[in-house]
Amino acid sequence: DELNKKGLYLMIAHLSEKKNSDASETPLILNQLASDGVLINYNSYIPEEMIHLIRRHKLPNIWVNSKLKRNCVYPDDEQAGYHLTRELLNQGCKTIAFANYVVGRSLENPHYSVKDRYLGYKRAMDEVGLATRNLQESQPIPAQHQLEYTEKWIQKADRPDGVVCYTNN
């Protein structure tokens, strides 16, 4: 409604995986639709060819929730992890854990936010000289098993008194 008041219009196009990165399958939105620019909500496993394709067409673009070198907007997950941890510390928590339900023991993930949120948590813990603790399995925890997994560590005698979480849910 706000765009329409200004004489602007929003078009949404869903593109297939093949059309995202194959130059011979250039998406119609880049060739035929009249638009002043695109907002791109593609933030994990972004094919390099897709980035090059967008640049080659010189279409103004903003990547949403992707941490690229330019033309992007995303939340500051490192600062969020830091602030969450500082708040738990301010509330008196001393054994704060980072529970990663998404990528297992590795912080390598196609989305920047996993590592950034952990780094913010770690920075806050390092500042006060407290040890970090990772609650992570070797593999991602499927959504249907996350409650069961949480119950297991909550019931342990050495459970943390605060937790910063990362999950897709």
C-alpha atoms as a PDB file:
ATOM      1  CA  ASP A   1       0.000   0.000   0.000  1.00  0.00           C
ATOM      2  CA  GLU A   2       2.809   2.402   0.875  1.00  0.00           C
ATOM      3  CA  LEU A   3       4.571   1.692  -2.427  1.00  0.00           C
ATOM      4  CA  ASN A   4       1.364   2.215  -4.383  1.00  0.00           C
ATOM      5  CA  LYS A   5       0.842   5.600  -2.710  1.00  0.00           C
ATOM      6  CA  LYS A   6       4.198   6.629  -4.179  1.00  0.00           C
ATOM      7  CA  GLY A   7       3.460   5.237  -7.639  1.00  0.00           C
ATOM      8  CA  LEU A   8       5.716   2.230  -7.080  1.00  0.00           C
ATOM      9  CA  TYR A   9       4.862  -1.450  -7.351  1.00  0.00           C
ATOM     10  CA  LEU A  10       6.216  -4.615  -5.835  1.00  0.00           C
ATOM     11  CA  MET A  11       6.567  -7.750  -7.950  1.00  0.00           C
ATOM     12  CA  ILE A  12       7.505 -11.083  -6.430  1.00  0.00           C
ATOM     13  CA  ALA A  13       9.037 -13.871  -8.488  1.00  0.00           C
ATOM     14  CA  HIS A  14      10.007 -17.327  -7.285  1.00  0.00           C
ATOM     15  CA  LEU A  15      12.977 -18.668  -9.219  1.00  0.00           C
ATOM     16  CA  SER A  16      14.034 -22.292  -9.557  1.00  0.00           C
ATOM     17  CA  GLU A  17      17.483 -23.436  -8.452  1.00  0.00           C
ATOM     18  CA  LYS A  18      18.584 -23.960 -12.075  1.00  0.00           C
ATOM     19  CA  LYS A  19      17.514 -20.485 -13.151  1.00  0.00           C
ATOM     20  CA  ASN A  20      19.374 -18.927 -10.229  1.00  0.00           C
ATOM     21  CA  SER A  21      22.797 -19.785 -11.578  1.00  0.00           C
ATOM     22  CA  ASP A  22      22.580 -20.917 -15.195  1.00  0.00           C
ATOM     23  CA  ALA A  23      23.270 -18.032 -17.584  1.00  0.00           C
ATOM     24  CA  SER A  24      21.457 -19.869 -20.400  1.00  0.00           C
ATOM     25  CA  GLU A  25      18.364 -19.881 -18.199  1.00  0.00           C
ATOM     26  CA  THR A  26      18.458 -16.181 -17.336  1.00  0.00           C
ATOM     27  CA  PRO A  27      15.449 -15.485 -15.154  1.00  0.00           C
ATOM     28  CA  LEU A  28      12.626 -13.576 -16.821  1.00  0.00           C
ATOM     29  CA  ILE A  29      12.732 -11.028 -14.044  1.00  0.00           C
ATOM     30  CA  LEU A  30      16.144  -9.916 -15.325  1.00  0.00           C
ATOM     31  CA  ASN A  31      15.228  -9.815 -19.007  1.00  0.00           C
ATOM     32  CA  GLN A  32      11.563  -9.027 -19.391  1.00  0.00           C
ATOM     33  CA  LEU A  33      10.036  -7.506 -16.294  1.00  0.00           C
ATOM     34  CA  ALA A  34      10.233  -3.762 -15.997  1.00  0.00           C
ATOM     35  CA  SER A  35      11.748  -3.116 -12.613  1.00  0.00           C
ATOM     36  CA  ASP A  36      14.056  -0.583 -11.050  1.00  0.00           C
ATOM     37  CA  GLY A  37      15.795  -3.144  -8.882  1.00  0.00           C
ATOM     38  CA  VAL A  38      15.464  -6.387  -6.999  1.00  0.00           C
ATOM     39  CA  LEU A  39      15.412  -7.515  -3.379  1.00  0.00           C
ATOM     40  CA  ILE A  40      16.954 -10.973  -3.252  1.00  0.00           C
ATOM     41  CA  ASN A  41      16.033 -13.297  -0.398  1.00  0.00           C
ATOM     42  CA  TYR A  42      18.515 -16.078  -1.084  1.00  0.00           C
ATOM     43  CA  ASN A  43      20.875 -16.429   1.818  1.00  0.00           C
ATOM     44  CA  SER A  44      22.365 -19.929   2.039  1.00  0.00           C
ATOM     45  CA  TYR A  45      24.531 -21.737  -0.483  1.00  0.00           C
ATOM     46  CA  ILE A  46      24.331 -18.782  -2.885  1.00  0.00           C
ATOM     47  CA  PRO A  47      25.799 -19.905  -6.212  1.00  0.00           C
ATOM     48  CA  GLU A  48      28.638 -17.621  -7.329  1.00  0.00           C
ATOM     49  CA  GLU A  49      27.212 -17.679 -10.844  1.00  0.00           C
ATOM     50  CA  MET A  50      23.967 -16.200  -9.527  1.00  0.00           C
ATOM     51  CA  ILE A  51      25.869 -13.270  -8.028  1.00  0.00           C
ATOM     52  CA  HIS A  52      27.751 -12.758 -11.306  1.00  0.00           C
ATOM     53  CA  LEU A  53      24.514 -13.016 -13.296  1.00  0.00           C
ATOM     54  CA  ILE A  54      22.872 -10.259 -11.249  1.00  0.00           C
ATOM     55  CA  ARG A  55      25.954  -8.038 -11.608  1.00  0.00           C
ATOM     56  CA  ARG A  56      26.249  -8.715 -15.333  1.00  0.00           C
ATOM     57  CA  HIS A  57      22.696  -7.441 -15.868  1.00  0.00           C
ATOM     58  CA  LYS A  58      23.544  -4.291 -13.858  1.00  0.00           C
ATOM     59  CA  LEU A  59      20.223  -4.456 -12.104  1.00  0.00           C
ATOM     60  CA  PRO A  60      20.210  -2.564  -8.799  1.00  0.00           C
ATOM     61  CA  ASN A  61      19.931  -5.181  -6.083  1.00  0.00           C
ATOM     62  CA  ILE A  62      19.842  -5.676  -2.352  1.00  0.00           C
ATOM     63  CA  TRP A  63      20.476  -9.097  -0.824  1.00  0.00           C
ATOM     64  CA  VAL A  64      18.314  -9.705   2.246  1.00  0.00           C
ATOM     65  CA  ASN A  65      19.801 -11.530   5.265  1.00  0.00           C
ATOM     66  CA  SER A  66      23.028 -12.293   3.414  1.00  0.00           C
ATOM     67  CA  LYS A  67      26.413 -11.049   4.572  1.00  0.00           C
ATOM     68  CA  LEU A  68      28.071 -10.089   1.314  1.00  0.00           C
ATOM     69  CA  LYS A  69      30.713  -7.433   0.612  1.00  0.00           C
ATOM     70  CA  ARG A  70      28.114  -4.980  -0.727  1.00  0.00           C
ATOM     71  CA  ASN A  71      24.440  -4.456  -1.538  1.00  0.00           C
ATOM     72  CA  CYS A  72      23.098  -6.359   1.435  1.00  0.00           C
ATOM     73  CA  VAL A  73      21.180  -5.907   4.665  1.00  0.00           C
ATOM     74  CA  TYR A  74      21.328  -8.344   7.559  1.00  0.00           C
ATOM     75  CA  PRO A  75      20.946  -8.437  11.328  1.00  0.00           C
ATOM     76  CA  ASP A  76      24.087  -8.034  13.407  1.00  0.00           C
ATOM     77  CA  ASP A  77      24.085 -11.537  14.880  1.00  0.00           C
ATOM     78  CA  GLU A  78      27.487 -11.101  16.507  1.00  0.00           C
ATOM     79  CA  GLN A  79      26.248  -8.108  18.480  1.00  0.00           C
ATOM     80  CA  ALA A  80      23.003  -9.963  19.244  1.00  0.00           C
ATOM     81  CA  GLY A  81      24.931 -12.944  20.659  1.00  0.00           C
ATOM     82  CA  TYR A  82      27.063 -10.550  22.678  1.00  0.00           C
ATOM     83  CA  HIS A  83      24.082  -8.627  24.084  1.00  0.00           C
ATOM     84  CA  LEU A  84      22.177 -11.814  24.912  1.00  0.00           C
ATOM     85  CA  THR A  85      25.182 -13.162  26.811  1.00  0.00           C
ATOM     86  CA  ARG A  86      25.808  -9.854  28.612  1.00  0.00           C
ATOM     87  CA  GLU A  87      22.174  -9.789  29.710  1.00  0.00           C
ATOM     88  CA  LEU A  88      22.483 -13.309  31.135  1.00  0.00           C
ATOM     89  CA  LEU A  89      25.694 -12.263  32.908  1.00  0.00           C
ATOM     90  CA  ASN A  90      23.942  -9.188  34.319  1.00  0.00           C
ATOM     91  CA  GLN A  91      21.227 -11.477  35.666  1.00  0.00           C
ATOM     92  CA  GLY A  92      23.884 -13.432  37.593  1.00  0.00           C
ATOM     93  CA  CYS A  93      24.409 -16.394  35.281  1.00  0.00           C
ATOM     94  CA  LYS A  94      27.929 -17.829  35.387  1.00  0.00           C
ATOM     95  CA  THR A  95      27.748 -21.038  33.352  1.00  0.00           C
ATOM     96  CA  ILE A  96      26.290 -19.862  30.083  1.00  0.00           C
ATOM     97  CA  ALA A  97      26.233 -22.275  27.172  1.00  0.00           C
ATOM     98  CA  PHE A  98      25.810 -21.855  23.435  1.00  0.00           C
ATOM     99  CA  ALA A  99      23.271 -24.383  22.131  1.00  0.00           C
ATOM    100  CA  ASN A 100      23.617 -24.927  18.410  1.00  0.00           C
ATOM    101  CA  TYR A 101      20.752 -27.027  17.085  1.00  0.00           C
ATOM    102  CA  VAL A 102      21.502 -26.404  13.413  1.00  0.00           C
ATOM    103  CA  VAL A 103      24.997 -27.348  12.267  1.00  0.00           C
ATOM    104  CA  GLY A 104      26.429 -29.807  14.729  1.00  0.00           C
ATOM    105  CA  ARG A 105      29.918 -29.279  16.154  1.00  0.00           C
ATOM    106  CA  SER A 106      31.128 -27.243  13.211  1.00  0.00           C
ATOM    107  CA  LEU A 107      30.499 -23.531  13.052  1.00  0.00           C
ATOM    108  CA  GLU A 108      30.832 -23.749   9.288  1.00  0.00           C
ATOM    109  CA  ASN A 109      27.412 -23.144   7.833  1.00  0.00           C
ATOM    110  CA  PRO A 110      26.170 -21.558   4.682  1.00  0.00           C
ATOM    111  CA  HIS A 111      24.594 -18.804   6.738  1.00  0.00           C
ATOM    112  CA  TYR A 112      26.824 -16.228   8.434  1.00  0.00           C
ATOM    113  CA  SER A 113      24.647 -15.926  11.529  1.00  0.00           C
ATOM    114  CA  VAL A 114      25.668 -19.232  13.141  1.00  0.00           C
ATOM    115  CA  LYS A 115      29.310 -18.273  13.490  1.00  0.00           C
ATOM    116  CA  ASP A 116      28.583 -14.604  14.208  1.00  0.00           C
ATOM    117  CA  ARG A 117      26.156 -15.345  17.041  1.00  0.00           C
ATOM    118  CA  TYR A 118      28.699 -17.732  18.591  1.00  0.00           C
ATOM    119  CA  LEU A 119      31.487 -15.146  18.268  1.00  0.00           C
ATOM    120  CA  GLY A 120      29.368 -12.569  20.113  1.00  0.00           C
ATOM    121  CA  TYR A 121      28.657 -15.094  22.877  1.00  0.00           C
ATOM    122  CA  LYS A 122      32.355 -16.001  23.110  1.00  0.00           C
ATOM    123  CA  ARG A 123      33.443 -12.343  23.232  1.00  0.00           C
ATOM    124  CA  ALA A 124      31.138 -11.624  26.176  1.00  0.00           C
ATOM    125  CA  MET A 125      32.323 -14.718  28.048  1.00  0.00           C
ATOM    126  CA  ASP A 126      35.996 -13.897  27.352  1.00  0.00           C
ATOM    127  CA  GLU A 127      35.537 -10.344  28.660  1.00  0.00           C
ATOM    128  CA  VAL A 128      34.570 -11.638  32.090  1.00  0.00           C
ATOM    129  CA  GLY A 129      36.995 -14.576  32.087  1.00  0.00           C
ATOM    130  CA  LEU A 130      34.379 -17.326  31.991  1.00  0.00           C
ATOM    131  CA  ALA A 131      34.687 -20.551  30.020  1.00  0.00           C
ATOM    132  CA  THR A 132      32.496 -21.127  26.998  1.00  0.00           C
ATOM    133  CA  ARG A 133      30.430 -24.269  26.770  1.00  0.00           C
ATOM    134  CA  ASN A 134      28.990 -25.664  23.574  1.00  0.00           C
ATOM    135  CA  LEU A 135      25.874 -27.800  23.621  1.00  0.00           C
ATOM    136  CA  GLN A 136      26.126 -29.368  20.204  1.00  0.00           C
ATOM    137  CA  GLU A 137      25.884 -32.790  18.671  1.00  0.00           C
ATOM    138  CA  SER A 138      28.052 -34.020  15.831  1.00  0.00           C
ATOM    139  CA  GLN A 139      25.141 -33.528  13.408  1.00  0.00           C
ATOM    140  CA  PRO A 140      22.276 -31.017  13.225  1.00  0.00           C
ATOM    141  CA  ILE A 141      19.296 -31.893  15.422  1.00  0.00           C
ATOM    142  CA  PRO A 142      16.076 -32.314  13.436  1.00  0.00           C
ATOM    143  CA  ALA A 143      13.215 -30.127  14.644  1.00  0.00           C
ATOM    144  CA  GLN A 144      11.215 -33.118  15.868  1.00  0.00           C
ATOM    145  CA  HIS A 145      14.086 -34.117  18.229  1.00  0.00           C
ATOM    146  CA  GLN A 146      15.074 -30.695  19.578  1.00  0.00           C
ATOM    147  CA  LEU A 147      12.767 -30.790  22.600  1.00  0.00           C
ATOM    148  CA  GLU A 148      14.050 -34.247  23.587  1.00  0.00           C
ATOM    149  CA  TYR A 149      17.657 -33.074  23.162  1.00  0.00           C
ATOM    150  CA  THR A 150      16.997 -29.996  25.309  1.00  0.00           C
ATOM    151  CA  GLU A 151      15.362 -32.070  28.047  1.00  0.00           C
ATOM    152  CA  LYS A 152      18.504 -34.258  28.237  1.00  0.00           C
ATOM    153  CA  TRP A 153      20.916 -31.429  28.969  1.00  0.00           C
ATOM    154  CA  ILE A 154      18.466 -29.549  31.192  1.00  0.00           C
ATOM    155  CA  GLN A 155      18.152 -32.586  33.469  1.00  0.00           C
ATOM    156  CA  LYS A 156      21.917 -32.984  33.995  1.00  0.00           C
ATOM    157  CA  ALA A 157      23.475 -31.911  37.289  1.00  0.00           C
ATOM    158  CA  ASP A 158      25.981 -29.676  35.492  1.00  0.00           C
ATOM    159  CA  ARG A 159      23.382 -27.926  33.343  1.00  0.00           C
ATOM    160  CA  PRO A 160      24.115 -24.298  32.463  1.00  0.00           C
ATOM    161  CA  ASP A 161      22.308 -21.508  34.245  1.00  0.00           C
ATOM    162  CA  GLY A 162      21.939 -19.549  30.995  1.00  0.00           C
ATOM    163  CA  VAL A 163      21.801 -20.479  27.298  1.00  0.00           C
ATOM    164  CA  VAL A 164      22.236 -18.608  24.025  1.00  0.00           C
ATOM    165  CA  CYS A 165      20.607 -20.672  21.275  1.00  0.00           C
ATOM    166  CA  TYR A 166      20.848 -21.007  17.540  1.00  0.00           C
ATOM    167  CA  THR A 167      18.064 -22.807  15.717  1.00  0.00           C
ATOM    168  CA  ASN A 168      16.047 -22.530  12.520  1.00  0.00           C
ATOM    169  CA  ASN A 169      12.779 -22.874  14.414  1.00  0.00           C
END
